[in-house]
């Protein structure tokens, strides 16, 4: 799974915890659970769809930890990173070109906005001694980052 983070949050001989943000979606969680339950030497001992977490147990005498990890990662790869389905050949170009923004992109934008808010707030406070214009400039920058954050989180803000 090069270039992607592993869905395995922790692993000790006999136990693997899987956690991934995409497993918070009910359809992906159920599909992952079904695939994980199909493994012979591994059993699901706990799950929490609210946080996208599944706890797996296995007998380390039957299955080595490396084999268990590789089997779990291979099964979850298809659930967490499905191949993009090609649009039908007769679909209009506007439908084929309009793909929704990936949730990971939203998380990255939101994280950058939050870091920007923290940095600009610190700069605003530091600029108090320099002058009003510098202070106001960093304050404006803070408001801009806050607006980006609120735009990304608009569904949660207005529930």
N, C-alpha and C. Protein backbone atom coordinates (compact mmCIF):
# COMPACT_ATOMS: atom_id res chain seq x y z
N UNK A 1 0.84 -1.18 0.00
CA UNK A 1 0.00 0.00 0.00
C UNK A 1 0.88 1.24 0.00
N UNK A 2 1.64 1.41 -1.01
CA UNK A 2 2.56 2.53 -1.09
C UNK A 2 1.80 3.81 -1.35
N UNK A 3 2.26 4.89 -0.70
CA UNK A 3 1.65 6.18 -0.92
C UNK A 3 0.38 6.41 -0.12
N UNK A 4 -0.09 5.44 0.60
CA UNK A 4 -1.30 5.59 1.39
C UNK A 4 -1.00 5.18 2.82
N UNK A 5 -1.76 5.74 3.72
CA UNK A 5 -1.58 5.36 5.11
C UNK A 5 -2.27 4.03 5.35
N UNK A 6 -1.71 3.26 6.23
CA UNK A 6 -2.26 1.94 6.53
C UNK A 6 -3.51 2.10 7.40
N UNK A 7 -4.52 1.28 7.15
CA UNK A 7 -5.70 1.34 8.00
C UNK A 7 -5.46 0.69 9.37
N UNK A 8 -4.32 0.04 9.54
CA UNK A 8 -4.02 -0.62 10.81
C UNK A 8 -3.48 0.42 11.79
N UNK A 9 -4.26 0.68 12.83
CA UNK A 9 -3.88 1.68 13.83
C UNK A 9 -2.88 1.11 14.82
N UNK A 10 -3.07 -0.15 15.19
CA UNK A 10 -2.13 -0.80 16.11
C UNK A 10 -2.19 -2.30 15.89
N UNK A 11 -1.08 -2.95 16.20
CA UNK A 11 -1.03 -4.40 16.04
C UNK A 11 -0.03 -4.97 17.04
N UNK A 12 -0.49 -5.95 17.76
CA UNK A 12 0.37 -6.75 18.63
C UNK A 12 0.04 -8.20 18.30
N UNK A 13 0.94 -9.12 18.58
CA UNK A 13 0.63 -10.51 18.25
C UNK A 13 -0.70 -10.95 18.87
N UNK A 14 -1.61 -11.36 18.02
CA UNK A 14 -2.92 -11.82 18.46
C UNK A 14 -4.02 -10.78 18.34
N UNK A 15 -3.65 -9.52 18.05
CA UNK A 15 -4.67 -8.46 18.00
C UNK A 15 -4.28 -7.39 17.00
N UNK A 16 -5.25 -6.95 16.22
CA UNK A 16 -5.06 -5.86 15.26
C UNK A 16 -6.23 -4.90 15.40
N UNK A 17 -5.93 -3.61 15.51
CA UNK A 17 -6.99 -2.60 15.49
C UNK A 17 -6.91 -1.85 14.17
N UNK A 18 -8.04 -1.84 13.47
CA UNK A 18 -8.16 -1.15 12.20
C UNK A 18 -8.95 0.12 12.45
N UNK A 19 -8.45 1.24 11.94
CA UNK A 19 -9.17 2.51 12.08
C UNK A 19 -8.89 3.35 10.84
N UNK A 20 -9.96 3.86 10.25
CA UNK A 20 -9.82 4.70 9.06
C UNK A 20 -11.04 5.62 8.97
N UNK A 21 -10.85 6.88 8.59
CA UNK A 21 -11.99 7.80 8.50
C UNK A 21 -13.08 7.35 7.54
N UNK A 22 -12.72 6.68 6.46
CA UNK A 22 -13.74 6.24 5.51
C UNK A 22 -14.62 5.13 6.08
N UNK A 23 -14.16 4.47 7.13
CA UNK A 23 -14.98 3.43 7.76
C UNK A 23 -16.11 4.02 8.60
N UNK A 24 -16.15 5.33 8.73
CA UNK A 24 -17.27 5.97 9.42
C UNK A 24 -18.53 5.96 8.56
N UNK A 25 -18.35 5.79 7.27
CA UNK A 25 -19.50 5.67 6.37
C UNK A 25 -20.09 4.28 6.53
N UNK A 26 -21.39 4.21 6.72
CA UNK A 26 -22.05 2.94 7.03
C UNK A 26 -21.83 1.89 5.95
N UNK A 27 -21.90 2.29 4.68
CA UNK A 27 -21.74 1.31 3.60
C UNK A 27 -20.34 0.73 3.58
N UNK A 28 -19.34 1.58 3.73
CA UNK A 28 -17.96 1.09 3.73
C UNK A 28 -17.68 0.25 4.98
N UNK A 29 -18.25 0.67 6.11
CA UNK A 29 -18.03 -0.07 7.35
C UNK A 29 -18.61 -1.48 7.24
N UNK A 30 -19.83 -1.60 6.73
CA UNK A 30 -20.45 -2.92 6.60
C UNK A 30 -19.70 -3.79 5.61
N UNK A 31 -19.25 -3.19 4.52
CA UNK A 31 -18.48 -3.96 3.53
C UNK A 31 -17.17 -4.45 4.13
N UNK A 32 -16.49 -3.57 4.86
CA UNK A 32 -15.22 -3.96 5.50
C UNK A 32 -15.45 -5.05 6.54
N UNK A 33 -16.50 -4.90 7.33
CA UNK A 33 -16.81 -5.89 8.35
C UNK A 33 -17.09 -7.25 7.72
N UNK A 34 -17.84 -7.26 6.63
CA UNK A 34 -18.13 -8.51 5.93
C UNK A 34 -16.87 -9.17 5.39
N UNK A 35 -15.99 -8.37 4.84
CA UNK A 35 -14.74 -8.93 4.30
C UNK A 35 -13.84 -9.45 5.42
N UNK A 36 -13.76 -8.70 6.52
CA UNK A 36 -12.91 -9.13 7.62
C UNK A 36 -13.44 -10.39 8.29
N UNK A 37 -14.77 -10.52 8.36
CA UNK A 37 -15.35 -11.72 8.95
C UNK A 37 -15.15 -12.95 8.06
N UNK A 38 -14.83 -12.73 6.79
CA UNK A 38 -14.62 -13.86 5.88
C UNK A 38 -13.23 -14.49 6.04
N UNK A 39 -12.33 -13.82 6.75
CA UNK A 39 -11.01 -14.40 6.99
C UNK A 39 -11.13 -15.60 7.91
N UNK A 40 -10.41 -16.67 7.59
CA UNK A 40 -10.53 -17.90 8.36
C UNK A 40 -9.93 -17.80 9.76
N UNK A 41 -8.72 -17.33 9.88
CA UNK A 41 -8.02 -17.36 11.16
C UNK A 41 -8.24 -16.08 11.98
N UNK A 42 -9.02 -15.15 11.47
CA UNK A 42 -9.22 -13.87 12.14
C UNK A 42 -10.69 -13.73 12.50
N UNK A 43 -10.95 -13.19 13.70
CA UNK A 43 -12.34 -12.93 14.07
C UNK A 43 -12.48 -11.51 14.59
N UNK A 44 -13.63 -10.93 14.33
CA UNK A 44 -13.92 -9.58 14.78
C UNK A 44 -14.37 -9.65 16.23
N UNK A 45 -13.66 -8.95 17.12
CA UNK A 45 -14.02 -8.99 18.54
C UNK A 45 -14.66 -7.70 19.02
N UNK A 46 -14.58 -6.66 18.23
CA UNK A 46 -15.21 -5.40 18.60
C UNK A 46 -15.22 -4.45 17.42
N UNK A 47 -16.22 -3.58 17.40
CA UNK A 47 -16.29 -2.61 16.31
C UNK A 47 -17.03 -1.37 16.79
N UNK A 48 -16.66 -0.24 16.21
CA UNK A 48 -17.31 1.02 16.53
C UNK A 48 -17.41 1.83 15.24
N UNK A 49 -18.58 1.79 14.58
CA UNK A 49 -18.72 2.51 13.32
C UNK A 49 -18.66 4.03 13.48
N UNK A 50 -18.92 4.54 14.66
CA UNK A 50 -18.88 6.00 14.86
C UNK A 50 -17.48 6.56 14.65
N UNK A 51 -16.46 5.78 15.01
CA UNK A 51 -15.08 6.24 14.83
C UNK A 51 -14.37 5.47 13.71
N UNK A 52 -15.06 4.53 13.08
CA UNK A 52 -14.46 3.76 11.99
C UNK A 52 -13.40 2.81 12.47
N UNK A 53 -13.69 2.09 13.55
CA UNK A 53 -12.70 1.21 14.17
C UNK A 53 -13.23 -0.21 14.27
N UNK A 54 -12.33 -1.16 14.02
CA UNK A 54 -12.65 -2.59 14.16
C UNK A 54 -11.49 -3.25 14.89
N UNK A 55 -11.81 -4.05 15.89
CA UNK A 55 -10.80 -4.80 16.64
C UNK A 55 -10.85 -6.25 16.19
N UNK A 56 -9.71 -6.78 15.78
CA UNK A 56 -9.61 -8.15 15.29
C UNK A 56 -8.72 -8.96 16.22
N UNK A 57 -9.07 -10.23 16.38
CA UNK A 57 -8.24 -11.15 17.15
C UNK A 57 -7.88 -12.33 16.26
N UNK A 58 -6.69 -12.88 16.50
CA UNK A 58 -6.26 -14.06 15.78
C UNK A 58 -5.29 -14.82 16.65
N UNK A 59 -5.09 -16.09 16.33
CA UNK A 59 -4.17 -16.93 17.08
C UNK A 59 -2.78 -16.80 16.45
N UNK A 60 -1.81 -16.21 17.17
CA UNK A 60 -0.48 -16.02 16.58
C UNK A 60 0.24 -17.34 16.31
N UNK A 61 -0.22 -18.45 16.90
CA UNK A 61 0.39 -19.74 16.60
C UNK A 61 -0.05 -20.24 15.23
N UNK A 62 -1.23 -19.82 14.79
CA UNK A 62 -1.75 -20.25 13.50
C UNK A 62 -1.35 -19.28 12.39
N UNK A 63 -1.37 -18.00 12.70
CA UNK A 63 -1.12 -16.95 11.72
C UNK A 63 -0.06 -16.00 12.26
N UNK A 64 0.99 -15.78 11.49
CA UNK A 64 2.04 -14.87 11.95
C UNK A 64 1.52 -13.44 11.90
N UNK A 65 2.06 -12.56 12.74
CA UNK A 65 1.59 -11.17 12.73
C UNK A 65 1.75 -10.49 11.37
N UNK A 66 2.85 -10.78 10.67
CA UNK A 66 3.04 -10.17 9.35
C UNK A 66 1.99 -10.67 8.35
N UNK A 67 1.68 -11.97 8.40
CA UNK A 67 0.66 -12.50 7.51
C UNK A 67 -0.71 -11.92 7.83
N UNK A 68 -1.01 -11.78 9.11
CA UNK A 68 -2.30 -11.22 9.52
C UNK A 68 -2.42 -9.77 9.02
N UNK A 69 -1.35 -9.00 9.22
CA UNK A 69 -1.37 -7.60 8.75
C UNK A 69 -1.57 -7.52 7.24
N UNK A 70 -0.83 -8.34 6.51
CA UNK A 70 -0.93 -8.27 5.05
C UNK A 70 -2.30 -8.70 4.56
N UNK A 71 -2.89 -9.72 5.19
CA UNK A 71 -4.23 -10.16 4.79
C UNK A 71 -5.27 -9.07 5.06
N UNK A 72 -5.17 -8.46 6.23
CA UNK A 72 -6.13 -7.41 6.59
C UNK A 72 -5.97 -6.20 5.66
N UNK A 73 -4.73 -5.79 5.41
CA UNK A 73 -4.51 -4.66 4.52
C UNK A 73 -4.99 -4.95 3.10
N UNK A 74 -4.77 -6.17 2.63
CA UNK A 74 -5.20 -6.53 1.28
C UNK A 74 -6.73 -6.49 1.17
N UNK A 75 -7.41 -7.01 2.19
CA UNK A 75 -8.87 -7.00 2.15
C UNK A 75 -9.43 -5.58 2.22
N UNK A 76 -8.84 -4.76 3.08
CA UNK A 76 -9.38 -3.42 3.26
C UNK A 76 -8.99 -2.47 2.14
N UNK A 77 -7.97 -2.81 1.39
CA UNK A 77 -7.55 -1.95 0.29
C UNK A 77 -8.68 -1.77 -0.72
N UNK A 78 -9.39 -2.84 -1.01
CA UNK A 78 -10.49 -2.75 -1.97
C UNK A 78 -11.66 -1.93 -1.43
N UNK A 79 -11.84 -1.95 -0.11
CA UNK A 79 -12.95 -1.19 0.49
C UNK A 79 -12.59 0.29 0.61
N UNK A 80 -11.38 0.57 1.04
CA UNK A 80 -10.99 1.95 1.31
C UNK A 80 -10.52 2.70 0.07
N UNK A 81 -10.03 1.98 -0.92
CA UNK A 81 -9.51 2.62 -2.13
C UNK A 81 -10.06 1.92 -3.36
N UNK A 82 -11.38 1.97 -3.57
CA UNK A 82 -11.94 1.27 -4.73
C UNK A 82 -11.49 1.93 -6.02
N UNK A 83 -11.39 1.12 -7.04
CA UNK A 83 -11.01 1.65 -8.35
C UNK A 83 -12.10 2.59 -8.83
N UNK A 84 -11.70 3.68 -9.39
CA UNK A 84 -12.67 4.65 -9.88
C UNK A 84 -13.39 4.05 -11.08
N UNK A 85 -14.69 4.03 -11.00
CA UNK A 85 -15.49 3.50 -12.11
C UNK A 85 -15.49 4.50 -13.25
N UNK A 86 -15.23 4.01 -14.43
CA UNK A 86 -15.23 4.88 -15.60
C UNK A 86 -16.66 5.22 -15.97
N UNK A 87 -16.91 6.46 -16.41
CA UNK A 87 -18.27 6.81 -16.81
C UNK A 87 -18.65 6.05 -18.08
N UNK A 88 -19.94 5.81 -18.27
CA UNK A 88 -20.36 5.12 -19.48
C UNK A 88 -19.92 5.90 -20.71
N UNK A 89 -19.61 5.20 -21.81
CA UNK A 89 -19.11 5.89 -22.99
C UNK A 89 -20.11 6.88 -23.58
N UNK A 90 -21.41 6.65 -23.39
CA UNK A 90 -22.40 7.55 -23.96
C UNK A 90 -22.80 8.68 -23.00
N UNK A 91 -22.11 8.79 -21.88
CA UNK A 91 -22.43 9.85 -20.91
C UNK A 91 -21.96 11.19 -21.44
N UNK A 92 -22.72 12.25 -21.17
CA UNK A 92 -22.29 13.58 -21.61
C UNK A 92 -20.98 13.97 -20.93
N UNK A 93 -20.22 14.84 -21.57
CA UNK A 93 -18.92 15.23 -21.05
C UNK A 93 -19.04 15.91 -19.70
N UNK A 94 -20.11 16.66 -19.47
CA UNK A 94 -20.24 17.37 -18.20
C UNK A 94 -20.41 16.39 -17.04
N UNK A 95 -21.10 15.27 -17.27
CA UNK A 95 -21.26 14.27 -16.22
C UNK A 95 -19.95 13.54 -15.99
N UNK A 96 -19.23 13.23 -17.04
CA UNK A 96 -17.98 12.50 -16.91
C UNK A 96 -16.91 13.34 -16.23
N UNK A 97 -16.92 14.66 -16.45
CA UNK A 97 -15.88 15.52 -15.89
C UNK A 97 -16.18 15.98 -14.48
N UNK A 98 -17.43 15.92 -14.05
CA UNK A 98 -17.77 16.43 -12.73
C UNK A 98 -17.62 15.33 -11.69
N UNK A 99 -16.50 15.35 -10.98
CA UNK A 99 -16.27 14.40 -9.91
C UNK A 99 -16.28 15.16 -8.60
N UNK A 100 -16.94 14.62 -7.58
CA UNK A 100 -16.98 15.34 -6.30
C UNK A 100 -15.60 15.39 -5.66
N UNK A 101 -15.38 16.42 -4.87
CA UNK A 101 -14.10 16.56 -4.19
C UNK A 101 -13.93 15.43 -3.18
N UNK A 102 -12.76 14.88 -3.13
CA UNK A 102 -12.49 13.79 -2.21
C UNK A 102 -12.53 14.31 -0.77
N UNK A 103 -13.04 13.49 0.15
CA UNK A 103 -13.07 13.93 1.55
C UNK A 103 -11.68 14.26 2.08
N UNK A 104 -10.67 13.55 1.59
CA UNK A 104 -9.32 13.80 2.05
C UNK A 104 -8.86 15.21 1.69
N UNK A 105 -9.28 15.71 0.53
CA UNK A 105 -8.93 17.07 0.14
C UNK A 105 -9.57 18.08 1.08
N UNK A 106 -10.83 17.83 1.45
CA UNK A 106 -11.49 18.73 2.40
C UNK A 106 -10.77 18.73 3.74
N UNK A 107 -10.34 17.54 4.19
CA UNK A 107 -9.63 17.46 5.47
C UNK A 107 -8.32 18.22 5.41
N UNK A 108 -7.63 18.13 4.28
CA UNK A 108 -6.35 18.84 4.14
C UNK A 108 -6.56 20.35 4.12
N UNK A 109 -7.59 20.79 3.39
CA UNK A 109 -7.88 22.22 3.33
C UNK A 109 -8.26 22.72 4.72
N UNK A 110 -9.10 21.95 5.41
CA UNK A 110 -9.54 22.36 6.74
C UNK A 110 -8.36 22.41 7.71
N UNK A 111 -7.48 21.43 7.61
CA UNK A 111 -6.31 21.43 8.49
C UNK A 111 -5.42 22.64 8.23
N UNK A 112 -5.21 22.95 6.94
CA UNK A 112 -4.40 24.12 6.60
C UNK A 112 -5.07 25.40 7.12
N UNK A 113 -6.40 25.46 7.04
CA UNK A 113 -7.11 26.64 7.54
C UNK A 113 -6.96 26.77 9.05
N UNK A 114 -7.05 25.64 9.76
CA UNK A 114 -6.90 25.71 11.22
C UNK A 114 -5.48 26.10 11.62
N UNK A 115 -4.49 25.58 10.92
CA UNK A 115 -3.11 25.97 11.21
C UNK A 115 -2.91 27.44 10.88
N UNK A 116 -3.49 27.88 9.77
CA UNK A 116 -3.41 29.30 9.41
C UNK A 116 -4.08 30.19 10.44
N UNK A 117 -5.21 29.75 10.98
CA UNK A 117 -5.88 30.53 12.02
C UNK A 117 -5.00 30.66 13.26
N UNK A 118 -4.40 29.55 13.66
CA UNK A 118 -3.54 29.59 14.85
C UNK A 118 -2.33 30.50 14.62
N UNK A 119 -1.71 30.36 13.47
CA UNK A 119 -0.53 31.18 13.17
C UNK A 119 -0.87 32.65 13.06
N UNK A 120 -1.97 32.96 12.39
CA UNK A 120 -2.33 34.37 12.23
C UNK A 120 -2.79 34.98 13.55
N UNK A 121 -3.40 34.17 14.42
CA UNK A 121 -3.78 34.69 15.74
C UNK A 121 -2.54 35.02 16.55
N UNK A 122 -1.55 34.13 16.49
CA UNK A 122 -0.29 34.41 17.21
C UNK A 122 0.39 35.65 16.64
N UNK A 123 0.37 35.78 15.32
CA UNK A 123 0.98 36.96 14.69
C UNK A 123 0.21 38.22 15.03
N UNK A 124 -1.11 38.11 15.13
CA UNK A 124 -1.93 39.26 15.50
C UNK A 124 -1.57 39.75 16.90
N UNK A 125 -1.42 38.80 17.82
CA UNK A 125 -1.06 39.17 19.19
C UNK A 125 0.35 39.75 19.24
N UNK A 126 1.26 39.17 18.47
CA UNK A 126 2.63 39.67 18.45
C UNK A 126 2.70 41.06 17.81
N UNK A 127 1.79 41.33 16.88
CA UNK A 127 1.81 42.61 16.17
C UNK A 127 1.19 43.74 16.97
N UNK A 128 0.63 43.44 18.12
CA UNK A 128 0.05 44.51 18.95
C UNK A 128 1.08 45.58 19.28
N UNK A 129 2.30 45.16 19.51
CA UNK A 129 3.34 46.12 19.86
C UNK A 129 3.94 46.82 18.66
N UNK A 130 3.72 46.30 17.47
CA UNK A 130 4.34 46.87 16.27
C UNK A 130 3.52 48.04 15.73
N UNK A 131 2.24 47.82 15.55
CA UNK A 131 1.41 48.89 15.01
C UNK A 131 0.02 48.39 14.67
N UNK A 132 -0.88 49.34 14.53
CA UNK A 132 -2.27 48.99 14.27
C UNK A 132 -2.46 48.35 12.90
N UNK A 133 -1.75 48.84 11.91
CA UNK A 133 -1.93 48.31 10.55
C UNK A 133 -1.46 46.85 10.45
N UNK A 134 -0.34 46.56 11.06
CA UNK A 134 0.17 45.18 11.04
C UNK A 134 -0.80 44.28 11.81
N UNK A 135 -1.26 44.77 12.95
CA UNK A 135 -2.22 44.01 13.76
C UNK A 135 -3.50 43.77 12.96
N UNK A 136 -4.00 44.79 12.28
CA UNK A 136 -5.22 44.65 11.48
C UNK A 136 -5.00 43.72 10.29
N UNK A 137 -3.82 43.76 9.71
CA UNK A 137 -3.53 42.87 8.58
C UNK A 137 -3.56 41.41 8.98
N UNK A 138 -2.93 41.09 10.11
CA UNK A 138 -2.96 39.71 10.58
C UNK A 138 -4.36 39.31 11.04
N UNK A 139 -5.11 40.26 11.58
CA UNK A 139 -6.49 39.99 11.96
C UNK A 139 -7.34 39.64 10.75
N UNK A 140 -7.12 40.35 9.65
CA UNK A 140 -7.84 40.07 8.41
C UNK A 140 -7.47 38.69 7.88
N UNK A 141 -6.20 38.35 7.98
CA UNK A 141 -5.76 37.03 7.57
C UNK A 141 -6.43 35.94 8.41
N UNK A 142 -6.55 36.18 9.71
CA UNK A 142 -7.24 35.23 10.59
C UNK A 142 -8.68 35.04 10.14
N UNK A 143 -9.37 36.13 9.85
CA UNK A 143 -10.77 36.04 9.42
C UNK A 143 -10.88 35.27 8.11
N UNK A 144 -9.93 35.45 7.20
CA UNK A 144 -9.96 34.72 5.93
C UNK A 144 -9.81 33.22 6.18
N UNK A 145 -8.87 32.84 7.03
CA UNK A 145 -8.71 31.41 7.35
C UNK A 145 -9.95 30.86 8.05
N UNK A 146 -10.56 31.67 8.90
CA UNK A 146 -11.76 31.23 9.60
C UNK A 146 -12.90 31.00 8.61
N UNK A 147 -13.02 31.86 7.61
CA UNK A 147 -14.06 31.69 6.60
C UNK A 147 -13.85 30.41 5.79
N UNK A 148 -12.59 30.09 5.48
CA UNK A 148 -12.31 28.84 4.78
C UNK A 148 -12.73 27.66 5.65
N UNK A 149 -12.38 27.71 6.93
CA UNK A 149 -12.74 26.64 7.86
C UNK A 149 -14.26 26.50 7.96
N UNK A 150 -14.96 27.61 8.07
CA UNK A 150 -16.42 27.56 8.18
C UNK A 150 -17.06 27.06 6.89
N UNK A 151 -16.47 27.37 5.76
CA UNK A 151 -17.00 26.88 4.48
C UNK A 151 -16.87 25.36 4.40
N UNK A 152 -15.73 24.84 4.83
CA UNK A 152 -15.53 23.39 4.81
C UNK A 152 -16.49 22.71 5.79
N UNK A 153 -16.73 23.33 6.93
CA UNK A 153 -17.56 22.74 7.98
C UNK A 153 -19.01 23.22 7.95
N UNK A 154 -19.47 23.79 6.85
CA UNK A 154 -20.80 24.41 6.80
C UNK A 154 -21.93 23.44 7.12
N UNK A 155 -21.80 22.18 6.73
CA UNK A 155 -22.87 21.23 7.02
C UNK A 155 -23.01 20.99 8.52
N UNK A 156 -21.89 20.94 9.21
CA UNK A 156 -21.93 20.73 10.66
C UNK A 156 -22.36 21.99 11.40
N UNK A 157 -22.06 23.14 10.84
CA UNK A 157 -22.42 24.39 11.51
C UNK A 157 -23.92 24.63 11.52
N UNK A 158 -24.59 24.23 10.46
CA UNK A 158 -26.01 24.56 10.31
C UNK A 158 -26.91 23.34 10.44
N UNK A 159 -26.55 22.40 11.27
CA UNK A 159 -27.40 21.22 11.47
C UNK A 159 -28.52 21.53 12.42
